[in-house]
Amino acid sequence: MEKFFNTVRGLGLKRGPQRWVGGVCGGIADKLNVDVAYVRIAYLLLSLLPGPAFVFYVVAWLLLPDQRNQIALQTLLAGRSARP
């Protein structure tokens, strides 16, 4: 499982510091070098169409590392495995 999280970190995509919810749009905007407003508008338009936009956002929030290079899913799984 550690190899998977290291691969995700190696993508160079992190959740951004300009957060409204989880920072996913901010991270995508930073990676694409565009204003975060454009990414948020694109996400809103995508959300209006039938499709898995909400699921995509939640998955990205769980898998993309934050500014401290920590992945939320990895932290959750580590917390569960540490319980007796």
N, C-alpha and C. Protein backbone atom coordinates (compact mmCIF):
# COMPACT_ATOMS: atom_id res chain seq x y z
N MET A 1 0.82 -1.18 0.00
CA MET A 1 0.00 0.00 0.00
C MET A 1 0.87 1.26 0.00
N GLU A 2 2.02 1.20 0.64
CA GLU A 2 2.93 2.35 0.70
C GLU A 2 3.40 2.75 -0.69
N LYS A 3 3.61 1.77 -1.55
CA LYS A 3 4.07 2.05 -2.92
C LYS A 3 3.02 2.87 -3.68
N PHE A 4 1.75 2.54 -3.47
CA PHE A 4 0.66 3.28 -4.11
C PHE A 4 0.69 4.76 -3.69
N PHE A 5 0.80 5.01 -2.38
CA PHE A 5 0.81 6.39 -1.89
C PHE A 5 2.05 7.14 -2.36
N ASN A 6 3.18 6.47 -2.46
CA ASN A 6 4.38 7.11 -2.99
C ASN A 6 4.22 7.47 -4.47
N THR A 7 3.50 6.61 -5.21
CA THR A 7 3.22 6.90 -6.61
C THR A 7 2.33 8.13 -6.73
N VAL A 8 1.31 8.22 -5.88
CA VAL A 8 0.43 9.38 -5.89
C VAL A 8 1.21 10.65 -5.57
N ARG A 9 2.09 10.58 -4.58
CA ARG A 9 2.92 11.74 -4.25
C ARG A 9 3.83 12.13 -5.42
N GLY A 10 4.29 11.15 -6.17
CA GLY A 10 5.19 11.40 -7.29
C GLY A 10 4.53 12.09 -8.47
N LEU A 11 3.21 12.17 -8.49
CA LEU A 11 2.51 12.83 -9.58
C LEU A 11 2.73 14.34 -9.59
N GLY A 12 3.14 14.88 -8.44
CA GLY A 12 3.39 16.32 -8.36
C GLY A 12 2.14 17.15 -8.22
N LEU A 13 1.03 16.54 -7.88
CA LEU A 13 -0.23 17.24 -7.72
C LEU A 13 -0.60 17.23 -6.25
N LYS A 14 -0.79 18.41 -5.67
CA LYS A 14 -1.14 18.53 -4.26
C LYS A 14 -2.39 19.37 -4.12
N ARG A 15 -3.09 19.16 -3.02
CA ARG A 15 -4.24 20.02 -2.73
C ARG A 15 -3.72 21.41 -2.43
N GLY A 16 -4.37 22.40 -2.98
CA GLY A 16 -3.88 23.76 -2.90
C GLY A 16 -4.18 24.47 -1.59
N PRO A 17 -3.44 25.54 -1.34
CA PRO A 17 -3.67 26.32 -0.13
C PRO A 17 -4.91 27.20 -0.21
N GLN A 18 -5.42 27.47 -1.44
CA GLN A 18 -6.63 28.26 -1.59
C GLN A 18 -7.83 27.32 -1.45
N ARG A 19 -8.25 27.09 -0.22
CA ARG A 19 -9.27 26.09 0.04
C ARG A 19 -10.64 26.70 0.24
N TRP A 20 -11.63 26.04 -0.31
CA TRP A 20 -13.01 26.29 0.04
C TRP A 20 -13.51 25.07 0.78
N VAL A 21 -13.22 23.91 0.24
CA VAL A 21 -13.63 22.66 0.88
C VAL A 21 -12.39 21.83 1.18
N GLY A 22 -11.84 21.19 0.18
CA GLY A 22 -10.70 20.32 0.40
C GLY A 22 -9.43 20.74 -0.29
N GLY A 23 -9.49 21.76 -1.11
CA GLY A 23 -8.30 22.25 -1.79
C GLY A 23 -8.00 21.56 -3.11
N VAL A 24 -8.91 20.71 -3.58
CA VAL A 24 -8.66 19.96 -4.82
C VAL A 24 -8.59 20.91 -6.02
N CYS A 25 -9.54 21.81 -6.15
CA CYS A 25 -9.53 22.74 -7.28
C CYS A 25 -8.30 23.63 -7.23
N GLY A 26 -7.89 24.05 -6.04
CA GLY A 26 -6.69 24.86 -5.90
C GLY A 26 -5.45 24.11 -6.33
N GLY A 27 -5.38 22.83 -5.99
CA GLY A 27 -4.24 22.01 -6.40
C GLY A 27 -4.17 21.80 -7.90
N ILE A 28 -5.33 21.56 -8.50
CA ILE A 28 -5.38 21.39 -9.95
C ILE A 28 -4.99 22.70 -10.64
N ALA A 29 -5.47 23.83 -10.11
CA ALA A 29 -5.12 25.13 -10.68
C ALA A 29 -3.63 25.40 -10.57
N ASP A 30 -3.03 25.06 -9.44
CA ASP A 30 -1.59 25.24 -9.29
C ASP A 30 -0.82 24.39 -10.29
N LYS A 31 -1.24 23.16 -10.48
CA LYS A 31 -0.55 22.25 -11.42
C LYS A 31 -0.67 22.74 -12.86
N LEU A 32 -1.87 23.24 -13.22
CA LEU A 32 -2.11 23.72 -14.58
C LEU A 32 -1.66 25.16 -14.78
N ASN A 33 -1.26 25.82 -13.68
CA ASN A 33 -0.81 27.21 -13.71
C ASN A 33 -1.89 28.14 -14.26
N VAL A 34 -3.12 27.96 -13.77
CA VAL A 34 -4.24 28.82 -14.12
C VAL A 34 -4.87 29.34 -12.83
N ASP A 35 -5.72 30.34 -12.96
CA ASP A 35 -6.42 30.88 -11.80
C ASP A 35 -7.40 29.84 -11.27
N VAL A 36 -7.49 29.74 -9.95
CA VAL A 36 -8.35 28.75 -9.32
C VAL A 36 -9.82 28.97 -9.67
N ALA A 37 -10.20 30.19 -9.98
CA ALA A 37 -11.60 30.48 -10.34
C ALA A 37 -12.00 29.71 -11.60
N TYR A 38 -11.09 29.59 -12.56
CA TYR A 38 -11.41 28.85 -13.78
C TYR A 38 -11.66 27.38 -13.49
N VAL A 39 -10.85 26.82 -12.63
CA VAL A 39 -11.02 25.40 -12.29
C VAL A 39 -12.33 25.20 -11.53
N ARG A 40 -12.64 26.12 -10.62
CA ARG A 40 -13.90 26.01 -9.87
C ARG A 40 -15.10 26.14 -10.79
N ILE A 41 -15.04 27.05 -11.73
CA ILE A 41 -16.15 27.21 -12.69
C ILE A 41 -16.29 25.95 -13.54
N ALA A 42 -15.16 25.41 -13.99
CA ALA A 42 -15.21 24.17 -14.79
C ALA A 42 -15.81 23.03 -13.96
N TYR A 43 -15.44 22.96 -12.69
CA TYR A 43 -15.99 21.91 -11.83
C TYR A 43 -17.49 22.11 -11.64
N LEU A 44 -17.92 23.34 -11.43
CA LEU A 44 -19.35 23.60 -11.27
C LEU A 44 -20.13 23.21 -12.52
N LEU A 45 -19.58 23.56 -13.69
CA LEU A 45 -20.24 23.16 -14.95
C LEU A 45 -20.28 21.64 -15.09
N LEU A 46 -19.19 20.98 -14.72
CA LEU A 46 -19.15 19.53 -14.76
C LEU A 46 -20.17 18.93 -13.79
N SER A 47 -20.35 19.58 -12.65
CA SER A 47 -21.28 19.08 -11.65
C SER A 47 -22.73 19.21 -12.10
N LEU A 48 -23.02 20.17 -12.96
CA LEU A 48 -24.37 20.34 -13.45
C LEU A 48 -24.77 19.24 -14.42
N LEU A 49 -23.79 18.64 -15.06
CA LEU A 49 -24.06 17.55 -15.98
C LEU A 49 -24.20 16.25 -15.19
N PRO A 50 -25.00 15.34 -15.68
CA PRO A 50 -25.07 14.05 -14.98
C PRO A 50 -23.71 13.37 -15.04
N GLY A 51 -23.23 12.94 -13.92
CA GLY A 51 -21.93 12.29 -13.90
C GLY A 51 -21.35 12.23 -12.50
N PRO A 52 -20.17 11.69 -12.41
CA PRO A 52 -19.57 11.41 -11.09
C PRO A 52 -18.68 12.53 -10.56
N ALA A 53 -19.03 13.80 -10.78
CA ALA A 53 -18.17 14.91 -10.37
C ALA A 53 -17.95 14.92 -8.86
N PHE A 54 -18.99 14.70 -8.08
CA PHE A 54 -18.86 14.71 -6.63
C PHE A 54 -17.95 13.57 -6.17
N VAL A 55 -18.14 12.40 -6.75
CA VAL A 55 -17.31 11.24 -6.39
C VAL A 55 -15.86 11.51 -6.76
N PHE A 56 -15.62 12.10 -7.93
CA PHE A 56 -14.27 12.45 -8.34
C PHE A 56 -13.62 13.39 -7.33
N TYR A 57 -14.35 14.39 -6.87
CA TYR A 57 -13.81 15.36 -5.92
C TYR A 57 -13.44 14.69 -4.61
N VAL A 58 -14.31 13.83 -4.10
CA VAL A 58 -14.04 13.15 -2.83
C VAL A 58 -12.83 12.22 -2.96
N VAL A 59 -12.75 11.49 -4.05
CA VAL A 59 -11.61 10.61 -4.27
C VAL A 59 -10.31 11.42 -4.38
N ALA A 60 -10.37 12.53 -5.10
CA ALA A 60 -9.18 13.38 -5.22
C ALA A 60 -8.79 13.96 -3.86
N TRP A 61 -9.76 14.32 -3.06
CA TRP A 61 -9.49 14.87 -1.72
C TRP A 61 -8.81 13.82 -0.85
N LEU A 62 -9.24 12.57 -0.98
CA LEU A 62 -8.65 11.50 -0.18
C LEU A 62 -7.26 11.10 -0.66
N LEU A 63 -6.99 11.23 -1.97
CA LEU A 63 -5.74 10.71 -2.53
C LEU A 63 -4.65 11.75 -2.75
N LEU A 64 -5.02 13.00 -2.97
CA LEU A 64 -3.98 14.00 -3.25
C LEU A 64 -3.32 14.46 -1.96
N PRO A 65 -2.00 14.54 -1.95
CA PRO A 65 -1.31 15.01 -0.74
C PRO A 65 -1.59 16.49 -0.49
N ASP A 66 -1.60 16.87 0.79
CA ASP A 66 -1.79 18.27 1.13
C ASP A 66 -0.44 18.99 1.09
N GLN A 67 -0.38 20.20 1.59
CA GLN A 67 0.84 20.99 1.53
C GLN A 67 1.96 20.41 2.39
N ARG A 68 1.61 19.58 3.36
CA ARG A 68 2.62 18.91 4.20
C ARG A 68 2.99 17.54 3.64
N ASN A 69 2.49 17.23 2.43
CA ASN A 69 2.75 15.97 1.73
C ASN A 69 2.10 14.77 2.43
N GLN A 70 1.01 15.00 3.15
CA GLN A 70 0.27 13.92 3.81
C GLN A 70 -0.99 13.61 3.01
N ILE A 71 -1.27 12.33 2.87
CA ILE A 71 -2.45 11.88 2.14
C ILE A 71 -3.51 11.47 3.16
N ALA A 72 -4.71 12.03 3.01
CA ALA A 72 -5.78 11.79 3.99
C ALA A 72 -6.13 10.31 4.10
N LEU A 73 -6.23 9.60 2.99
CA LEU A 73 -6.58 8.18 3.03
C LEU A 73 -5.51 7.37 3.75
N GLN A 74 -4.26 7.69 3.52
CA GLN A 74 -3.17 6.98 4.19
C GLN A 74 -3.23 7.22 5.71
N THR A 75 -3.53 8.44 6.11
CA THR A 75 -3.66 8.75 7.52
C THR A 75 -4.83 8.00 8.14
N LEU A 76 -5.96 7.95 7.42
CA LEU A 76 -7.12 7.20 7.92
C LEU A 76 -6.82 5.71 8.07
N LEU A 77 -6.15 5.15 7.07
CA LEU A 77 -5.83 3.72 7.11
C LEU A 77 -4.80 3.42 8.20
N ALA A 78 -3.85 4.31 8.40
CA ALA A 78 -2.85 4.12 9.45
C ALA A 78 -3.50 4.18 10.83
N GLY A 79 -4.48 5.08 10.99
CA GLY A 79 -5.20 5.17 12.25
C GLY A 79 -6.00 3.93 12.56
N ARG A 80 -6.58 3.33 11.54
CA ARG A 80 -7.36 2.10 11.73
C ARG A 80 -6.47 0.91 12.08
N SER A 81 -5.31 0.84 11.44
CA SER A 81 -4.43 -0.30 11.69
C SER A 81 -3.74 -0.18 13.03
N ALA A 82 -3.66 1.02 13.59
CA ALA A 82 -3.01 1.20 14.90
C ALA A 82 -3.94 0.84 16.06
N ARG A 83 -5.23 0.71 15.78
CA ARG A 83 -6.18 0.35 16.84
C ARG A 83 -6.02 -1.12 17.21
N PRO A 84 -6.13 -1.42 18.51
CA PRO A 84 -5.99 -2.83 18.95
C PRO A 84 -7.20 -3.66 18.62
